[in-house]
């Protein structure tokens, strides 16, 4: 990557956002941050009855992650910010952080069916992790479905290996698009 890049990873819990971020860190050396990490700093106050994050936790998590991303973009080529990013305002804030840092930014939604996501979260809850129930996941999905500022959607109704290949393909497309834009600028085309 020639310039720093922020990838905003959106999606419902259980869609594969963390898998995406882990692969980006392992394969491409990305620095990654997740709202869940910051929300958990609030302990029991982080969750409401449905298992979703409380409004207080959402505000805290996105503010803390914004600070972390701002610092990370100063010294890293690839930064990944992971969260449901259910509101356009949240995404706009992180796009502004990237622009202020002179970084490229891409918002990607990791998508799968609500049922698949709910089953994944249920499996994680069985081993002690926390997460929302299917009704809360459906609400988040509805909010994301109204979005019109997400750059691309990456489907994750597949095996982990196939999903990792899709991530690699996505990165190649990002770099190819940047190269194509650079070449067009140098040849005077628009």
C-alpha atoms as a PDB file:
ATOM      1  CA  UNK A   1       0.000   0.000   0.000  1.00  0.00           C
ATOM      2  CA  UNK A   2       1.430   3.362  -1.070  1.00  0.00           C
ATOM      3  CA  UNK A   3      -0.705   5.534   1.217  1.00  0.00           C
ATOM      4  CA  UNK A   4      -2.170   4.630   4.572  1.00  0.00           C
ATOM      5  CA  UNK A   5      -5.587   3.001   4.337  1.00  0.00           C
ATOM      6  CA  UNK A   6      -8.407   2.650   6.818  1.00  0.00           C
ATOM      7  CA  UNK A   7     -10.837  -0.173   6.275  1.00  0.00           C
ATOM      8  CA  UNK A   8     -14.118   0.295   8.128  1.00  0.00           C
ATOM      9  CA  UNK A   9     -15.581  -3.166   8.663  1.00  0.00           C
ATOM     10  CA  UNK A  10     -19.355  -3.152   9.177  1.00  0.00           C
ATOM     11  CA  UNK A  11     -21.775  -5.974   9.802  1.00  0.00           C
ATOM     12  CA  UNK A  12     -23.949  -7.740  12.294  1.00  0.00           C
ATOM     13  CA  UNK A  13     -22.382  -9.718  15.137  1.00  0.00           C
ATOM     14  CA  UNK A  14     -21.480 -13.174  13.838  1.00  0.00           C
ATOM     15  CA  UNK A  15     -21.064 -12.071  10.219  1.00  0.00           C
ATOM     16  CA  UNK A  16     -17.285 -12.568  10.162  1.00  0.00           C
ATOM     17  CA  UNK A  17     -15.934  -9.099  10.918  1.00  0.00           C
ATOM     18  CA  UNK A  18     -13.381 -10.409  13.423  1.00  0.00           C
ATOM     19  CA  UNK A  19     -12.281 -13.148  11.028  1.00  0.00           C
ATOM     20  CA  UNK A  20     -11.762 -10.453   8.389  1.00  0.00           C
ATOM     21  CA  UNK A  21      -9.700  -8.306  10.786  1.00  0.00           C
ATOM     22  CA  UNK A  22      -7.590 -11.220  12.024  1.00  0.00           C
ATOM     23  CA  UNK A  23      -6.801 -12.257   8.461  1.00  0.00           C
ATOM     24  CA  UNK A  24      -5.878  -8.673   7.564  1.00  0.00           C
ATOM     25  CA  UNK A  25      -3.493  -8.567  10.535  1.00  0.00           C
ATOM     26  CA  UNK A  26      -1.952 -11.965   9.828  1.00  0.00           C
ATOM     27  CA  UNK A  27      -1.649 -11.657   6.063  1.00  0.00           C
ATOM     28  CA  UNK A  28      -1.112  -7.934   5.528  1.00  0.00           C
ATOM     29  CA  UNK A  29       0.202  -6.648   8.866  1.00  0.00           C
ATOM     30  CA  UNK A  30      -2.867  -4.538   9.557  1.00  0.00           C
ATOM     31  CA  UNK A  31      -3.384  -2.897  12.914  1.00  0.00           C
ATOM     32  CA  UNK A  32      -6.907  -3.730  14.062  1.00  0.00           C
ATOM     33  CA  UNK A  33      -9.343  -2.321  16.566  1.00  0.00           C
ATOM     34  CA  UNK A  34     -12.806  -3.561  17.536  1.00  0.00           C
ATOM     35  CA  UNK A  35     -15.636  -1.785  19.293  1.00  0.00           C
ATOM     36  CA  UNK A  36     -16.230  -4.916  21.386  1.00  0.00           C
ATOM     37  CA  UNK A  37     -12.841  -4.485  23.054  1.00  0.00           C
ATOM     38  CA  UNK A  38     -13.558  -0.899  24.043  1.00  0.00           C
ATOM     39  CA  UNK A  39     -17.172  -1.632  25.069  1.00  0.00           C
ATOM     40  CA  UNK A  40     -16.075  -4.400  27.427  1.00  0.00           C
ATOM     41  CA  UNK A  41     -14.174  -1.770  29.439  1.00  0.00           C
ATOM     42  CA  UNK A  42     -17.605  -0.854  30.863  1.00  0.00           C
ATOM     43  CA  UNK A  43     -18.161  -4.347  32.291  1.00  0.00           C
ATOM     44  CA  UNK A  44     -21.784  -5.320  32.940  1.00  0.00           C
ATOM     45  CA  UNK A  45     -23.005  -1.873  31.809  1.00  0.00           C
ATOM     46  CA  UNK A  46     -21.832  -2.689  28.282  1.00  0.00           C
ATOM     47  CA  UNK A  47     -24.814  -4.936  27.494  1.00  0.00           C
ATOM     48  CA  UNK A  48     -28.585  -4.678  27.607  1.00  0.00           C
ATOM     49  CA  UNK A  49     -30.962  -7.599  28.146  1.00  0.00           C
ATOM     50  CA  UNK A  50     -30.902  -8.653  24.455  1.00  0.00           C
ATOM     51  CA  UNK A  51     -27.109  -8.994  24.624  1.00  0.00           C
ATOM     52  CA  UNK A  52     -26.623  -5.995  22.339  1.00  0.00           C
ATOM     53  CA  UNK A  53     -24.346  -3.142  23.393  1.00  0.00           C
ATOM     54  CA  UNK A  54     -25.961  -0.418  25.503  1.00  0.00           C
ATOM     55  CA  UNK A  55     -26.136   3.118  24.097  1.00  0.00           C
ATOM     56  CA  UNK A  56     -23.491   4.152  26.628  1.00  0.00           C
ATOM     57  CA  UNK A  57     -21.206   1.325  25.474  1.00  0.00           C
ATOM     58  CA  UNK A  58     -21.692   2.237  21.816  1.00  0.00           C
ATOM     59  CA  UNK A  59     -20.789   5.884  22.462  1.00  0.00           C
ATOM     60  CA  UNK A  60     -17.777   4.909  24.565  1.00  0.00           C
ATOM     61  CA  UNK A  61     -16.553   2.235  22.158  1.00  0.00           C
ATOM     62  CA  UNK A  62     -16.704   4.356  19.000  1.00  0.00           C
ATOM     63  CA  UNK A  63     -15.095   7.375  20.724  1.00  0.00           C
ATOM     64  CA  UNK A  64     -12.250   5.242  22.104  1.00  0.00           C
ATOM     65  CA  UNK A  65     -11.778   3.436  18.801  1.00  0.00           C
ATOM     66  CA  UNK A  66     -11.730   6.776  16.926  1.00  0.00           C
ATOM     67  CA  UNK A  67      -8.849   7.916  19.141  1.00  0.00           C
ATOM     68  CA  UNK A  68      -6.995   4.630  18.618  1.00  0.00           C
ATOM     69  CA  UNK A  69      -7.482   4.719  14.836  1.00  0.00           C
ATOM     70  CA  UNK A  70      -6.304   8.342  14.671  1.00  0.00           C
ATOM     71  CA  UNK A  71      -3.082   7.390  16.432  1.00  0.00           C
ATOM     72  CA  UNK A  72      -2.583   4.239  14.405  1.00  0.00           C
ATOM     73  CA  UNK A  73      -2.965   5.945  11.025  1.00  0.00           C
ATOM     74  CA  UNK A  74      -0.020   8.182  11.882  1.00  0.00           C
ATOM     75  CA  UNK A  75       2.403   5.255  11.835  1.00  0.00           C
ATOM     76  CA  UNK A  76       0.781   2.362   9.982  1.00  0.00           C
ATOM     77  CA  UNK A  77      -0.082   1.643   6.380  1.00  0.00           C
ATOM     78  CA  UNK A  78      -3.175  -0.455   7.025  1.00  0.00           C
ATOM     79  CA  UNK A  79      -5.652   0.035   9.860  1.00  0.00           C
ATOM     80  CA  UNK A  80      -8.857  -1.944  10.297  1.00  0.00           C
ATOM     81  CA  UNK A  81     -11.734  -0.588  12.422  1.00  0.00           C
ATOM     82  CA  UNK A  82     -14.301  -3.270  13.280  1.00  0.00           C
ATOM     83  CA  UNK A  83     -17.808  -2.693  14.555  1.00  0.00           C
ATOM     84  CA  UNK A  84     -21.399  -2.981  13.510  1.00  0.00           C
ATOM     85  CA  UNK A  85     -21.132   0.640  12.324  1.00  0.00           C
ATOM     86  CA  UNK A  86     -24.901   0.660  12.192  1.00  0.00           C
ATOM     87  CA  UNK A  87     -25.221   4.413  11.727  1.00  0.00           C
ATOM     88  CA  UNK A  88     -24.081   6.569   8.853  1.00  0.00           C
ATOM     89  CA  UNK A  89     -22.766   9.096  11.388  1.00  0.00           C
ATOM     90  CA  UNK A  90     -20.356   6.489  12.810  1.00  0.00           C
ATOM     91  CA  UNK A  91     -19.024   5.692   9.358  1.00  0.00           C
ATOM     92  CA  UNK A  92     -18.793   9.385   8.411  1.00  0.00           C
ATOM     93  CA  UNK A  93     -16.741  10.089  11.541  1.00  0.00           C
ATOM     94  CA  UNK A  94     -14.193   7.398  10.658  1.00  0.00           C
ATOM     95  CA  UNK A  95     -14.046   8.520   7.015  1.00  0.00           C
ATOM     96  CA  UNK A  96     -13.196  12.000   8.278  1.00  0.00           C
ATOM     97  CA  UNK A  97     -10.447  10.584  10.506  1.00  0.00           C
ATOM     98  CA  UNK A  98      -8.923   8.870   7.466  1.00  0.00           C
ATOM     99  CA  UNK A  99      -9.141  11.994   5.305  1.00  0.00           C
ATOM    100  CA  UNK A 100      -7.524  14.103   8.039  1.00  0.00           C
ATOM    101  CA  UNK A 101      -4.674  11.568   8.184  1.00  0.00           C
ATOM    102  CA  UNK A 102      -4.204  11.623   4.406  1.00  0.00           C
ATOM    103  CA  UNK A 103      -5.353   8.016   4.213  1.00  0.00           C
ATOM    104  CA  UNK A 104      -7.560   6.203   1.749  1.00  0.00           C
ATOM    105  CA  UNK A 105     -10.700   4.764   3.286  1.00  0.00           C
ATOM    106  CA  UNK A 106     -13.024   1.933   2.348  1.00  0.00           C
ATOM    107  CA  UNK A 107     -16.179   0.843   4.146  1.00  0.00           C
ATOM    108  CA  UNK A 108     -16.893  -2.837   3.675  1.00  0.00           C
ATOM    109  CA  UNK A 109     -19.878  -4.752   4.978  1.00  0.00           C
ATOM    110  CA  UNK A 110     -19.396  -8.393   5.859  1.00  0.00           C
ATOM    111  CA  UNK A 111     -22.751 -10.006   5.181  1.00  0.00           C
ATOM    112  CA  UNK A 112     -24.467 -13.274   5.914  1.00  0.00           C
ATOM    113  CA  UNK A 113     -28.020 -14.244   6.744  1.00  0.00           C
ATOM    114  CA  UNK A 114     -29.362 -13.215  10.146  1.00  0.00           C
ATOM    115  CA  UNK A 115     -29.936 -16.902  10.929  1.00  0.00           C
ATOM    116  CA  UNK A 116     -26.301 -17.790  10.174  1.00  0.00           C
ATOM    117  CA  UNK A 117     -25.053 -14.861  12.253  1.00  0.00           C
ATOM    118  CA  UNK A 118     -27.366 -15.780  15.154  1.00  0.00           C
ATOM    119  CA  UNK A 119     -26.147 -19.395  15.083  1.00  0.00           C
ATOM    120  CA  UNK A 120     -22.518 -18.241  15.161  1.00  0.00           C
ATOM    121  CA  UNK A 121     -23.178 -15.887  18.091  1.00  0.00           C
ATOM    122  CA  UNK A 122     -25.115 -18.626  19.901  1.00  0.00           C
ATOM    123  CA  UNK A 123     -22.126 -20.970  19.521  1.00  0.00           C
ATOM    124  CA  UNK A 124     -19.809 -18.330  20.963  1.00  0.00           C
ATOM    125  CA  UNK A 125     -22.146 -17.636  23.867  1.00  0.00           C
ATOM    126  CA  UNK A 126     -22.062 -21.352  24.681  1.00  0.00           C
ATOM    127  CA  UNK A 127     -18.326 -20.991  25.432  1.00  0.00           C
ATOM    128  CA  UNK A 128     -18.697 -17.866  27.566  1.00  0.00           C
ATOM    129  CA  UNK A 129     -18.497 -15.025  25.060  1.00  0.00           C
ATOM    130  CA  UNK A 130     -21.146 -12.351  24.977  1.00  0.00           C
ATOM    131  CA  UNK A 131     -23.329 -11.206  22.129  1.00  0.00           C
ATOM    132  CA  UNK A 132     -26.835 -10.270  21.047  1.00  0.00           C
ATOM    133  CA  UNK A 133     -29.789 -12.533  20.446  1.00  0.00           C
ATOM    134  CA  UNK A 134     -31.342 -13.069  17.010  1.00  0.00           C
ATOM    135  CA  UNK A 135     -33.888 -10.265  17.463  1.00  0.00           C
ATOM    136  CA  UNK A 136     -31.124  -7.734  18.191  1.00  0.00           C
ATOM    137  CA  UNK A 137     -29.094  -9.031  15.222  1.00  0.00           C
ATOM    138  CA  UNK A 138     -32.155  -8.563  12.990  1.00  0.00           C
ATOM    139  CA  UNK A 139     -32.460  -4.943  14.186  1.00  0.00           C
ATOM    140  CA  UNK A 140     -28.797  -4.222  13.406  1.00  0.00           C
ATOM    141  CA  UNK A 141     -29.198  -5.878   9.994  1.00  0.00           C
ATOM    142  CA  UNK A 142     -32.212  -3.661   9.253  1.00  0.00           C
ATOM    143  CA  UNK A 143     -30.212  -0.545  10.104  1.00  0.00           C
ATOM    144  CA  UNK A 144     -27.338  -1.640   7.860  1.00  0.00           C
ATOM    145  CA  UNK A 145     -29.733  -2.463   5.019  1.00  0.00           C
ATOM    146  CA  UNK A 146     -30.710   1.235   4.931  1.00  0.00           C
ATOM    147  CA  UNK A 147     -27.088   2.286   4.372  1.00  0.00           C
ATOM    148  CA  UNK A 148     -26.067   3.853   1.098  1.00  0.00           C
ATOM    149  CA  UNK A 149     -22.493   4.826   1.973  1.00  0.00           C
ATOM    150  CA  UNK A 150     -20.896   1.380   2.217  1.00  0.00           C
ATOM    151  CA  UNK A 151     -18.414   0.853  -0.599  1.00  0.00           C
ATOM    152  CA  UNK A 152     -18.588  -2.910  -0.961  1.00  0.00           C
ATOM    153  CA  UNK A 153     -20.200  -6.021   0.490  1.00  0.00           C
ATOM    154  CA  UNK A 154     -18.308  -9.244   1.074  1.00  0.00           C
ATOM    155  CA  UNK A 155     -20.531 -12.299   1.538  1.00  0.00           C
ATOM    156  CA  UNK A 156     -19.612 -14.807   4.223  1.00  0.00           C
ATOM    157  CA  UNK A 157     -21.854 -17.851   3.930  1.00  0.00           C
ATOM    158  CA  UNK A 158     -18.849 -20.074   3.239  1.00  0.00           C
ATOM    159  CA  UNK A 159     -15.965 -21.902   4.858  1.00  0.00           C
ATOM    160  CA  UNK A 160     -13.246 -19.957   6.661  1.00  0.00           C
ATOM    161  CA  UNK A 161     -10.744 -20.880   3.935  1.00  0.00           C
ATOM    162  CA  UNK A 162     -13.028 -19.620   1.177  1.00  0.00           C
ATOM    163  CA  UNK A 163     -13.742 -16.452   3.143  1.00  0.00           C
ATOM    164  CA  UNK A 164     -10.017 -15.789   3.560  1.00  0.00           C
ATOM    165  CA  UNK A 165      -9.595 -16.148  -0.207  1.00  0.00           C
ATOM    166  CA  UNK A 166     -12.392 -13.624  -0.725  1.00  0.00           C
ATOM    167  CA  UNK A 167     -10.559 -11.232   1.609  1.00  0.00           C
ATOM    168  CA  UNK A 168      -7.343 -11.653  -0.400  1.00  0.00           C
ATOM    169  CA  UNK A 169      -9.282 -11.011  -3.619  1.00  0.00           C
ATOM    170  CA  UNK A 170     -10.823  -7.897  -2.063  1.00  0.00           C
ATOM    171  CA  UNK A 171      -7.384  -6.487  -1.181  1.00  0.00           C
ATOM    172  CA  UNK A 172      -6.148  -7.169  -4.717  1.00  0.00           C
ATOM    173  CA  UNK A 173      -9.164  -5.290  -6.092  1.00  0.00           C
ATOM    174  CA  UNK A 174      -8.459  -2.343  -3.777  1.00  0.00           C
ATOM    175  CA  UNK A 175      -4.865  -2.162  -4.919  1.00  0.00           C
ATOM    176  CA  UNK A 176      -5.844  -2.663  -8.544  1.00  0.00           C
ATOM    177  CA  UNK A 177      -8.374   0.163  -8.318  1.00  0.00           C
ATOM    178  CA  UNK A 178      -5.760   2.449  -6.800  1.00  0.00           C
ATOM    179  CA  UNK A 179      -3.223   1.521  -9.494  1.00  0.00           C
ATOM    180  CA  UNK A 180      -5.841   2.108 -12.195  1.00  0.00           C
ATOM    181  CA  UNK A 181      -6.687   5.530 -10.757  1.00  0.00           C
ATOM    182  CA  UNK A 182      -2.989   6.416 -10.569  1.00  0.00           C
ATOM    183  CA  UNK A 183      -2.408   5.323 -14.172  1.00  0.00           C
ATOM    184  CA  UNK A 184      -5.396   7.324 -15.381  1.00  0.00           C
ATOM    185  CA  UNK A 185      -4.106  10.421 -13.567  1.00  0.00           C
ATOM    186  CA  UNK A 186      -0.669  10.013 -15.169  1.00  0.00           C
ATOM    187  CA  UNK A 187      -2.119   9.586 -18.659  1.00  0.00           C
ATOM    188  CA  UNK A 188      -4.498  12.533 -18.243  1.00  0.00           C
ATOM    189  CA  UNK A 189      -7.640  10.390 -18.560  1.00  0.00           C
ATOM    190  CA  UNK A 190     -10.616  10.733 -16.240  1.00  0.00           C
END
